[in-house]
Structure formats: C-alpha cells, structure tokens
Amino acid sequence: MEGCAQRFADPDAEGEFAEAERAGGELWKASIAAVQRPVMPAAAILLLPALNEVFDVAAARTLATRRHPPRIVSVMLFLLALSGALFAGYGMVVCKRRRWLHTVGFSLVICGTVGVTLDVDCPHHGMLRVDAFDRTLADVRAGWK
C-alpha cells in the first residue's frame, strides 16, 4: 500500500509501479492459498471478488497516471493562443486608444485556458490538486494498521 501512495505522489516513479505489482501478486497468491482450506469455503465467495475489485481500481488508476495528452496538443494550444493574440492585436490597431479591459481580459482568458489545460495533465504538481483524495487513501491505510 505504501508503494501505491508513493507512485501516485510521483507519477514518474516506475520502481514503485513494479513494487506495487509484485506485492499485488503476492497478495493474490496468499489469498488463493487461504481460501482453498476446507475450513473456510465461503471465504472465497467474499474475499476474491472484493480483492479483484481492488486490483481493478489500482490498474485503472495506474493507467490514468501514465496517460498524458500527446505533445501536439500543447503545441496546438500554444499556436492557438499566439494566433488569437495576433488577430486581436491587429483588430485593436484600428482603434485610436487602447482598451485595457479587452487587453487584460483577453490575456487572462488565454492564460487561464492554457494553464488549466496543462494543469489537468499532472494533478499532483499544479493548482488543480488531488491531495484530498490522497489524504483519504492515507486515512484508510492508517485504519488498517
């Protein structure tokens, strides 16, 4: 469980992915061995589906941490912001005086859109954080001890 918490705090920690995978395999083998005892035949019905669900959630979260948008998305977003600024600048040349509200508003909208789009890619390091979810995982883990 420690490996899972570490790998989500640092998505680039490939060693933690391998360690969590190995620990999951050991847990599965131990669970299979435990439910094959004739003393507890109903344990397999309760334990194995729940454990399988835990592994499915862990696999989905692992895939989500490894999935990033293609680099072309960032390039296109930058080019869109640059071309928008170019067209807005040409449109403002016609006016004799500068309209600060339009200039600042356009800049804030473009910067905000680019920032949020790039921030969604890595939610552990930007302004949009998932620390509350990580704290919940840590609380659950502490309750197991």
N, C-alpha and C. Protein backbone atom coordinates (compact mmCIF):
# COMPACT_ATOMS: atom_id res chain seq x y z
N MET A 1 0.82 -1.19 0.00
CA MET A 1 0.00 0.00 0.00
C MET A 1 0.86 1.25 0.00
N GLU A 2 2.00 1.19 0.67
CA GLU A 2 2.91 2.33 0.67
C GLU A 2 3.39 2.63 -0.75
N GLY A 3 3.65 1.59 -1.52
CA GLY A 3 4.09 1.77 -2.90
C GLY A 3 3.05 2.47 -3.73
N CYS A 4 1.79 2.15 -3.51
CA CYS A 4 0.71 2.80 -4.25
C CYS A 4 0.66 4.28 -3.92
N ALA A 5 0.76 4.62 -2.65
CA ALA A 5 0.70 6.03 -2.26
C ALA A 5 1.88 6.80 -2.85
N GLN A 6 3.06 6.19 -2.84
CA GLN A 6 4.25 6.86 -3.37
C GLN A 6 4.15 7.06 -4.88
N ARG A 7 3.65 6.05 -5.58
CA ARG A 7 3.63 6.17 -7.04
C ARG A 7 2.62 7.20 -7.50
N PHE A 8 1.55 7.45 -6.73
CA PHE A 8 0.61 8.47 -7.14
C PHE A 8 1.10 9.85 -6.75
N ALA A 9 1.95 9.93 -5.74
CA ALA A 9 2.55 11.22 -5.40
C ALA A 9 3.60 11.61 -6.41
N ASP A 10 4.28 10.63 -7.00
CA ASP A 10 5.29 10.89 -8.03
C ASP A 10 5.01 9.96 -9.21
N PRO A 11 4.24 10.43 -10.21
CA PRO A 11 3.85 9.55 -11.31
C PRO A 11 5.02 9.00 -12.11
N ASP A 12 6.20 9.56 -11.99
CA ASP A 12 7.35 9.08 -12.75
C ASP A 12 8.12 7.98 -12.04
N ALA A 13 7.66 7.55 -10.87
CA ALA A 13 8.38 6.54 -10.09
C ALA A 13 8.02 5.15 -10.60
N GLU A 14 8.71 4.69 -11.63
CA GLU A 14 8.43 3.39 -12.23
C GLU A 14 8.76 2.24 -11.27
N GLY A 15 9.75 2.41 -10.41
CA GLY A 15 10.09 1.37 -9.45
C GLY A 15 8.94 1.09 -8.50
N GLU A 16 8.22 2.11 -8.15
CA GLU A 16 7.07 1.94 -7.26
C GLU A 16 5.94 1.18 -7.96
N PHE A 17 5.79 1.41 -9.25
CA PHE A 17 4.79 0.64 -10.01
C PHE A 17 5.12 -0.85 -9.95
N ALA A 18 6.38 -1.19 -10.19
CA ALA A 18 6.79 -2.60 -10.19
C ALA A 18 6.64 -3.21 -8.80
N GLU A 19 6.98 -2.47 -7.76
CA GLU A 19 6.87 -2.98 -6.39
C GLU A 19 5.40 -3.22 -6.03
N ALA A 20 4.53 -2.31 -6.39
CA ALA A 20 3.10 -2.49 -6.10
C ALA A 20 2.55 -3.68 -6.88
N GLU A 21 3.01 -3.86 -8.10
CA GLU A 21 2.58 -5.01 -8.92
C GLU A 21 3.03 -6.32 -8.28
N ARG A 22 4.26 -6.36 -7.79
CA ARG A 22 4.78 -7.56 -7.16
C ARG A 22 4.02 -7.86 -5.86
N ALA A 23 3.77 -6.84 -5.07
CA ALA A 23 3.02 -7.02 -3.81
C ALA A 23 1.60 -7.50 -4.09
N GLY A 24 0.99 -6.99 -5.15
CA GLY A 24 -0.35 -7.44 -5.52
C GLY A 24 -0.37 -8.91 -5.91
N GLY A 25 0.66 -9.34 -6.63
CA GLY A 25 0.76 -10.75 -7.00
C GLY A 25 0.91 -11.65 -5.78
N GLU A 26 1.74 -11.22 -4.83
CA GLU A 26 1.92 -11.99 -3.60
C GLU A 26 0.62 -12.06 -2.79
N LEU A 27 -0.09 -10.93 -2.73
CA LEU A 27 -1.35 -10.89 -2.00
C LEU A 27 -2.38 -11.82 -2.65
N TRP A 28 -2.42 -11.83 -3.96
CA TRP A 28 -3.37 -12.70 -4.66
C TRP A 28 -3.04 -14.18 -4.40
N LYS A 29 -1.75 -14.55 -4.48
CA LYS A 29 -1.36 -15.94 -4.23
C LYS A 29 -1.69 -16.36 -2.80
N ALA A 30 -1.42 -15.48 -1.84
CA ALA A 30 -1.72 -15.80 -0.44
C ALA A 30 -3.23 -15.93 -0.22
N SER A 31 -4.01 -15.10 -0.90
CA SER A 31 -5.46 -15.16 -0.76
C SER A 31 -6.01 -16.45 -1.35
N ILE A 32 -5.48 -16.84 -2.50
CA ILE A 32 -5.92 -18.09 -3.12
C ILE A 32 -5.58 -19.28 -2.21
N ALA A 33 -4.39 -19.26 -1.64
CA ALA A 33 -3.99 -20.35 -0.74
C ALA A 33 -4.87 -20.38 0.51
N ALA A 34 -5.25 -19.20 1.00
CA ALA A 34 -6.06 -19.14 2.22
C ALA A 34 -7.48 -19.64 2.00
N VAL A 35 -8.07 -19.34 0.85
CA VAL A 35 -9.47 -19.73 0.64
C VAL A 35 -9.60 -21.18 0.18
N GLN A 36 -8.50 -21.84 -0.14
CA GLN A 36 -8.57 -23.24 -0.56
C GLN A 36 -8.61 -24.20 0.63
N ARG A 37 -8.49 -23.67 1.82
CA ARG A 37 -8.59 -24.52 3.00
C ARG A 37 -10.04 -24.99 3.16
N PRO A 38 -10.25 -26.21 3.57
CA PRO A 38 -11.62 -26.72 3.70
C PRO A 38 -12.37 -26.10 4.89
N VAL A 39 -11.67 -25.43 5.77
CA VAL A 39 -12.31 -24.84 6.95
C VAL A 39 -13.18 -23.65 6.56
N MET A 40 -12.78 -22.90 5.53
CA MET A 40 -13.49 -21.67 5.17
C MET A 40 -13.92 -21.69 3.69
N PRO A 41 -14.93 -22.45 3.31
CA PRO A 41 -15.32 -22.48 1.91
C PRO A 41 -16.01 -21.20 1.45
N ALA A 42 -16.67 -20.49 2.36
CA ALA A 42 -17.38 -19.26 1.97
C ALA A 42 -16.44 -18.07 1.86
N ALA A 43 -15.22 -18.23 2.34
CA ALA A 43 -14.27 -17.10 2.28
C ALA A 43 -13.95 -16.71 0.85
N ALA A 44 -13.90 -17.68 -0.05
CA ALA A 44 -13.60 -17.39 -1.45
C ALA A 44 -14.70 -16.53 -2.07
N ILE A 45 -15.93 -16.77 -1.69
CA ILE A 45 -17.06 -16.01 -2.25
C ILE A 45 -16.98 -14.55 -1.80
N LEU A 46 -16.51 -14.31 -0.60
CA LEU A 46 -16.44 -12.94 -0.08
C LEU A 46 -15.13 -12.23 -0.42
N LEU A 47 -14.03 -12.95 -0.31
CA LEU A 47 -12.73 -12.30 -0.42
C LEU A 47 -12.29 -12.06 -1.86
N LEU A 48 -12.38 -13.06 -2.70
CA LEU A 48 -11.80 -12.94 -4.04
C LEU A 48 -12.46 -11.88 -4.92
N PRO A 49 -13.80 -11.74 -4.94
CA PRO A 49 -14.37 -10.65 -5.74
C PRO A 49 -13.98 -9.26 -5.23
N ALA A 50 -13.91 -9.10 -3.91
CA ALA A 50 -13.51 -7.81 -3.35
C ALA A 50 -12.06 -7.50 -3.67
N LEU A 51 -11.21 -8.49 -3.56
CA LEU A 51 -9.80 -8.30 -3.88
C LEU A 51 -9.61 -8.02 -5.37
N ASN A 52 -10.38 -8.70 -6.20
CA ASN A 52 -10.32 -8.45 -7.64
C ASN A 52 -10.74 -7.01 -7.96
N GLU A 53 -11.74 -6.52 -7.26
CA GLU A 53 -12.19 -5.12 -7.46
C GLU A 53 -11.09 -4.13 -7.06
N VAL A 54 -10.38 -4.43 -5.98
CA VAL A 54 -9.26 -3.57 -5.56
C VAL A 54 -8.19 -3.54 -6.64
N PHE A 55 -7.87 -4.69 -7.21
CA PHE A 55 -6.85 -4.75 -8.26
C PHE A 55 -7.32 -4.01 -9.52
N ASP A 56 -8.61 -4.10 -9.83
CA ASP A 56 -9.13 -3.38 -11.00
C ASP A 56 -9.03 -1.87 -10.82
N VAL A 57 -9.35 -1.40 -9.63
CA VAL A 57 -9.25 0.04 -9.36
C VAL A 57 -7.79 0.50 -9.41
N ALA A 58 -6.90 -0.31 -8.85
CA ALA A 58 -5.48 0.04 -8.88
C ALA A 58 -4.95 0.07 -10.32
N ALA A 59 -5.39 -0.88 -11.14
CA ALA A 59 -4.95 -0.90 -12.54
C ALA A 59 -5.49 0.31 -13.30
N ALA A 60 -6.73 0.67 -13.04
CA ALA A 60 -7.30 1.84 -13.71
C ALA A 60 -6.58 3.12 -13.31
N ARG A 61 -6.23 3.22 -12.03
CA ARG A 61 -5.53 4.42 -11.58
C ARG A 61 -4.09 4.45 -12.12
N THR A 62 -3.47 3.29 -12.23
CA THR A 62 -2.13 3.23 -12.81
C THR A 62 -2.15 3.71 -14.25
N LEU A 63 -3.12 3.24 -15.01
CA LEU A 63 -3.25 3.68 -16.40
C LEU A 63 -3.52 5.18 -16.48
N ALA A 64 -4.31 5.69 -15.56
CA ALA A 64 -4.60 7.13 -15.58
C ALA A 64 -3.37 7.97 -15.29
N THR A 65 -2.48 7.49 -14.42
CA THR A 65 -1.28 8.26 -14.12
C THR A 65 -0.27 8.21 -15.26
N ARG A 66 -0.32 7.16 -16.05
CA ARG A 66 0.62 7.04 -17.17
C ARG A 66 0.10 7.69 -18.45
N ARG A 67 -1.15 8.05 -18.48
CA ARG A 67 -1.76 8.59 -19.69
C ARG A 67 -1.60 10.11 -19.72
N HIS A 68 -0.98 10.60 -20.76
CA HIS A 68 -0.80 12.04 -20.94
C HIS A 68 -1.24 12.40 -22.36
N PRO A 69 -1.71 13.62 -22.55
CA PRO A 69 -2.09 14.00 -23.91
C PRO A 69 -0.85 14.08 -24.80
N PRO A 70 -1.00 13.86 -26.09
CA PRO A 70 0.14 13.95 -26.99
C PRO A 70 0.74 15.36 -26.98
N ARG A 71 2.02 15.44 -27.26
CA ARG A 71 2.72 16.71 -27.26
C ARG A 71 2.12 17.70 -28.26
N ILE A 72 1.51 17.18 -29.32
CA ILE A 72 0.92 18.05 -30.33
C ILE A 72 -0.22 18.88 -29.75
N VAL A 73 -0.88 18.38 -28.71
CA VAL A 73 -1.95 19.14 -28.07
C VAL A 73 -1.38 20.42 -27.45
N SER A 74 -0.24 20.32 -26.79
CA SER A 74 0.39 21.51 -26.20
C SER A 74 0.86 22.46 -27.28
N VAL A 75 1.41 21.93 -28.35
CA VAL A 75 1.88 22.79 -29.46
C VAL A 75 0.70 23.52 -30.09
N MET A 76 -0.38 22.79 -30.35
CA MET A 76 -1.57 23.40 -30.97
C MET A 76 -2.19 24.45 -30.03
N LEU A 77 -2.20 24.19 -28.75
CA LEU A 77 -2.74 25.15 -27.79
C LEU A 77 -1.90 26.43 -27.79
N PHE A 78 -0.58 26.27 -27.82
CA PHE A 78 0.30 27.43 -27.88
C PHE A 78 0.09 28.21 -29.18
N LEU A 79 -0.01 27.51 -30.30
CA LEU A 79 -0.24 28.19 -31.58
C LEU A 79 -1.60 28.88 -31.63
N LEU A 80 -2.61 28.28 -31.01
CA LEU A 80 -3.92 28.90 -30.94
C LEU A 80 -3.86 30.20 -30.13
N ALA A 81 -3.18 30.17 -29.00
CA ALA A 81 -3.04 31.37 -28.18
C ALA A 81 -2.27 32.45 -28.93
N LEU A 82 -1.20 32.06 -29.61
CA LEU A 82 -0.40 33.02 -30.37
C LEU A 82 -1.19 33.63 -31.53
N SER A 83 -1.91 32.79 -32.27
CA SER A 83 -2.68 33.34 -33.39
C SER A 83 -3.85 34.18 -32.89
N GLY A 84 -4.46 33.80 -31.78
CA GLY A 84 -5.52 34.63 -31.21
C GLY A 84 -5.01 35.99 -30.79
N ALA A 85 -3.82 36.01 -30.18
CA ALA A 85 -3.22 37.29 -29.79
C ALA A 85 -2.87 38.12 -31.02
N LEU A 86 -2.41 37.47 -32.07
CA LEU A 86 -2.08 38.18 -33.31
C LEU A 86 -3.31 38.82 -33.92
N PHE A 87 -4.39 38.07 -34.04
CA PHE A 87 -5.62 38.62 -34.61
C PHE A 87 -6.24 39.69 -33.72
N ALA A 88 -6.19 39.51 -32.43
CA ALA A 88 -6.71 40.53 -31.52
C ALA A 88 -5.87 41.79 -31.61
N GLY A 89 -4.56 41.64 -31.72
CA GLY A 89 -3.68 42.80 -31.86
C GLY A 89 -3.96 43.58 -33.13
N TYR A 90 -4.15 42.86 -34.24
CA TYR A 90 -4.49 43.55 -35.49
C TYR A 90 -5.84 44.22 -35.39
N GLY A 91 -6.78 43.63 -34.69
CA GLY A 91 -8.09 44.24 -34.52
C GLY A 91 -8.04 45.48 -33.66
N MET A 92 -7.12 45.55 -32.72
CA MET A 92 -7.02 46.72 -31.83
C MET A 92 -6.26 47.87 -32.46
N VAL A 93 -5.56 47.61 -33.56
CA VAL A 93 -4.79 48.67 -34.22
C VAL A 93 -5.73 49.74 -34.79
N VAL A 94 -6.93 49.34 -35.19
CA VAL A 94 -7.88 50.26 -35.80
C VAL A 94 -8.29 51.36 -34.82
N CYS A 95 -8.40 51.01 -33.54
CA CYS A 95 -8.82 51.99 -32.53
C CYS A 95 -7.68 52.96 -32.24
N LYS A 96 -8.05 54.21 -31.95
CA LYS A 96 -7.06 55.23 -31.63
C LYS A 96 -6.51 55.08 -30.21
N ARG A 97 -7.31 54.58 -29.31
CA ARG A 97 -6.84 54.41 -27.94
C ARG A 97 -6.97 52.95 -27.52
N ARG A 98 -6.11 52.56 -26.64
CA ARG A 98 -6.09 51.16 -26.18
C ARG A 98 -7.22 50.91 -25.19
N ARG A 99 -7.88 49.79 -25.36
CA ARG A 99 -8.94 49.37 -24.43
C ARG A 99 -8.33 48.35 -23.48
N TRP A 100 -8.02 48.82 -22.29
CA TRP A 100 -7.33 47.98 -21.32
C TRP A 100 -8.18 46.80 -20.85
N LEU A 101 -9.46 47.01 -20.75
CA LEU A 101 -10.33 45.91 -20.32
C LEU A 101 -10.26 44.74 -21.31
N HIS A 102 -10.30 45.04 -22.60
CA HIS A 102 -10.21 43.98 -23.60
C HIS A 102 -8.84 43.33 -23.59
N THR A 103 -7.79 44.13 -23.45
CA THR A 103 -6.42 43.59 -23.45
C THR A 103 -6.19 42.66 -22.26
N VAL A 104 -6.52 43.14 -21.08
CA VAL A 104 -6.33 42.34 -19.88
C VAL A 104 -7.27 41.13 -19.86
N GLY A 105 -8.51 41.34 -20.27
CA GLY A 105 -9.47 40.23 -20.31
C GLY A 105 -9.03 39.12 -21.26
N PHE A 106 -8.58 39.51 -22.45
CA PHE A 106 -8.11 38.51 -23.41
C PHE A 106 -6.90 37.76 -22.86
N SER A 107 -5.98 38.49 -22.27
CA SER A 107 -4.78 37.84 -21.71
C SER A 107 -5.13 36.86 -20.60
N LEU A 108 -6.04 37.26 -19.73
CA LEU A 108 -6.44 36.37 -18.63
C LEU A 108 -7.15 35.12 -19.13
N VAL A 109 -8.02 35.29 -20.11
CA VAL A 109 -8.74 34.13 -20.64
C VAL A 109 -7.77 33.15 -21.32
N ILE A 110 -6.85 33.67 -22.13
CA ILE A 110 -5.89 32.79 -22.81
C ILE A 110 -4.97 32.11 -21.80
N CYS A 111 -4.42 32.88 -20.86
CA CYS A 111 -3.53 32.28 -19.86
C CYS A 111 -4.26 31.27 -18.98
N GLY A 112 -5.47 31.60 -18.59
CA GLY A 112 -6.25 30.67 -17.77
C GLY A 112 -6.56 29.38 -18.50
N THR A 113 -6.95 29.49 -19.75
CA THR A 113 -7.28 28.29 -20.54
C THR A 113 -6.06 27.41 -20.74
N VAL A 114 -4.95 28.01 -21.11
CA VAL A 114 -3.71 27.24 -21.30
C VAL A 114 -3.26 26.63 -19.98
N GLY A 115 -3.30 27.41 -18.91
CA GLY A 115 -2.87 26.91 -17.61
C GLY A 115 -3.70 25.75 -17.10
N VAL A 116 -5.01 25.86 -17.19
CA VAL A 116 -5.89 24.78 -16.71
C VAL A 116 -5.72 23.54 -17.57
N THR A 117 -5.61 23.72 -18.88
CA THR A 117 -5.45 22.57 -19.77
C THR A 117 -4.16 21.81 -19.46
N LEU A 118 -3.09 22.53 -19.25
CA LEU A 118 -1.82 21.87 -18.93
C LEU A 118 -1.81 21.32 -17.51
N ASP A 119 -2.54 21.97 -16.61
CA ASP A 119 -2.58 21.54 -15.21
C ASP A 119 -3.36 20.24 -15.03
N VAL A 120 -4.35 20.03 -15.86
CA VAL A 120 -5.15 18.81 -15.77
C VAL A 120 -4.28 17.58 -16.07
N ASP A 121 -3.25 17.77 -16.87
CA ASP A 121 -2.36 16.67 -17.24
C ASP A 121 -1.63 16.09 -16.03
N CYS A 122 -1.26 16.91 -15.08
CA CYS A 122 -0.49 16.44 -13.92
C CYS A 122 -1.10 17.01 -12.64
N PRO A 123 -2.12 16.35 -12.09
CA PRO A 123 -2.86 16.92 -10.96
C PRO A 123 -2.14 16.90 -9.62
N HIS A 124 -0.95 16.29 -9.53
CA HIS A 124 -0.22 16.29 -8.26
C HIS A 124 0.74 17.46 -8.14
N HIS A 125 0.98 18.19 -9.22
CA HIS A 125 2.00 19.22 -9.18
C HIS A 125 1.49 20.62 -9.50
N GLY A 126 0.27 20.80 -9.92
CA GLY A 126 -0.22 22.10 -10.33
C GLY A 126 -1.19 22.71 -9.34
N MET A 127 -2.04 23.59 -9.84
CA MET A 127 -3.03 24.24 -8.99
C MET A 127 -4.22 23.32 -8.73
N LEU A 128 -4.61 22.53 -9.71
CA LEU A 128 -5.70 21.57 -9.54
C LEU A 128 -5.11 20.31 -8.92
N ARG A 129 -5.30 20.13 -7.64
CA ARG A 129 -4.62 19.06 -6.92
C ARG A 129 -5.60 17.99 -6.48
N VAL A 130 -5.10 16.80 -6.30
CA VAL A 130 -5.91 15.68 -5.82
C VAL A 130 -5.40 15.23 -4.45
N ASP A 131 -4.87 16.16 -3.69
CA ASP A 131 -4.32 15.82 -2.38
C ASP A 131 -5.39 15.33 -1.40
N ALA A 132 -6.62 15.82 -1.53
CA ALA A 132 -7.68 15.37 -0.64
C ALA A 132 -7.94 13.88 -0.84
N PHE A 133 -7.90 13.44 -2.08
CA PHE A 133 -8.08 12.02 -2.37
C PHE A 133 -6.92 11.20 -1.80
N ASP A 134 -5.71 11.73 -1.92
CA ASP A 134 -4.55 11.03 -1.37
C ASP A 134 -4.62 10.95 0.15
N ARG A 135 -5.13 12.03 0.79
CA ARG A 135 -5.28 12.00 2.24
C ARG A 135 -6.31 10.96 2.65
N THR A 136 -7.36 10.82 1.85
CA THR A 136 -8.37 9.80 2.14
C THR A 136 -7.75 8.41 2.07
N LEU A 137 -6.94 8.17 1.05
CA LEU A 137 -6.24 6.88 0.95
C LEU A 137 -5.33 6.65 2.15
N ALA A 138 -4.63 7.70 2.58
CA ALA A 138 -3.74 7.56 3.73
C ALA A 138 -4.55 7.26 5.01
N ASP A 139 -5.71 7.89 5.16
CA ASP A 139 -6.55 7.62 6.33
C ASP A 139 -7.07 6.17 6.34
N VAL A 140 -7.45 5.69 5.16
CA VAL A 140 -7.90 4.31 5.06
C VAL A 140 -6.76 3.36 5.39
N ARG A 141 -5.58 3.66 4.87
CA ARG A 141 -4.42 2.82 5.14
C ARG A 141 -4.07 2.84 6.63
N ALA A 142 -4.19 3.99 7.28
CA ALA A 142 -3.90 4.08 8.71
C ALA A 142 -4.91 3.29 9.52
N GLY A 143 -6.15 3.23 9.04
CA GLY A 143 -7.19 2.47 9.73
C GLY A 143 -6.95 0.97 9.67
N TRP A 144 -6.19 0.51 8.69
CA TRP A 144 -5.89 -0.91 8.57
C TRP A 144 -4.88 -1.39 9.58
N LYS A 145 -4.06 -0.47 10.08
CA LYS A 145 -2.98 -0.87 10.99
C LYS A 145 -3.48 -1.07 12.39
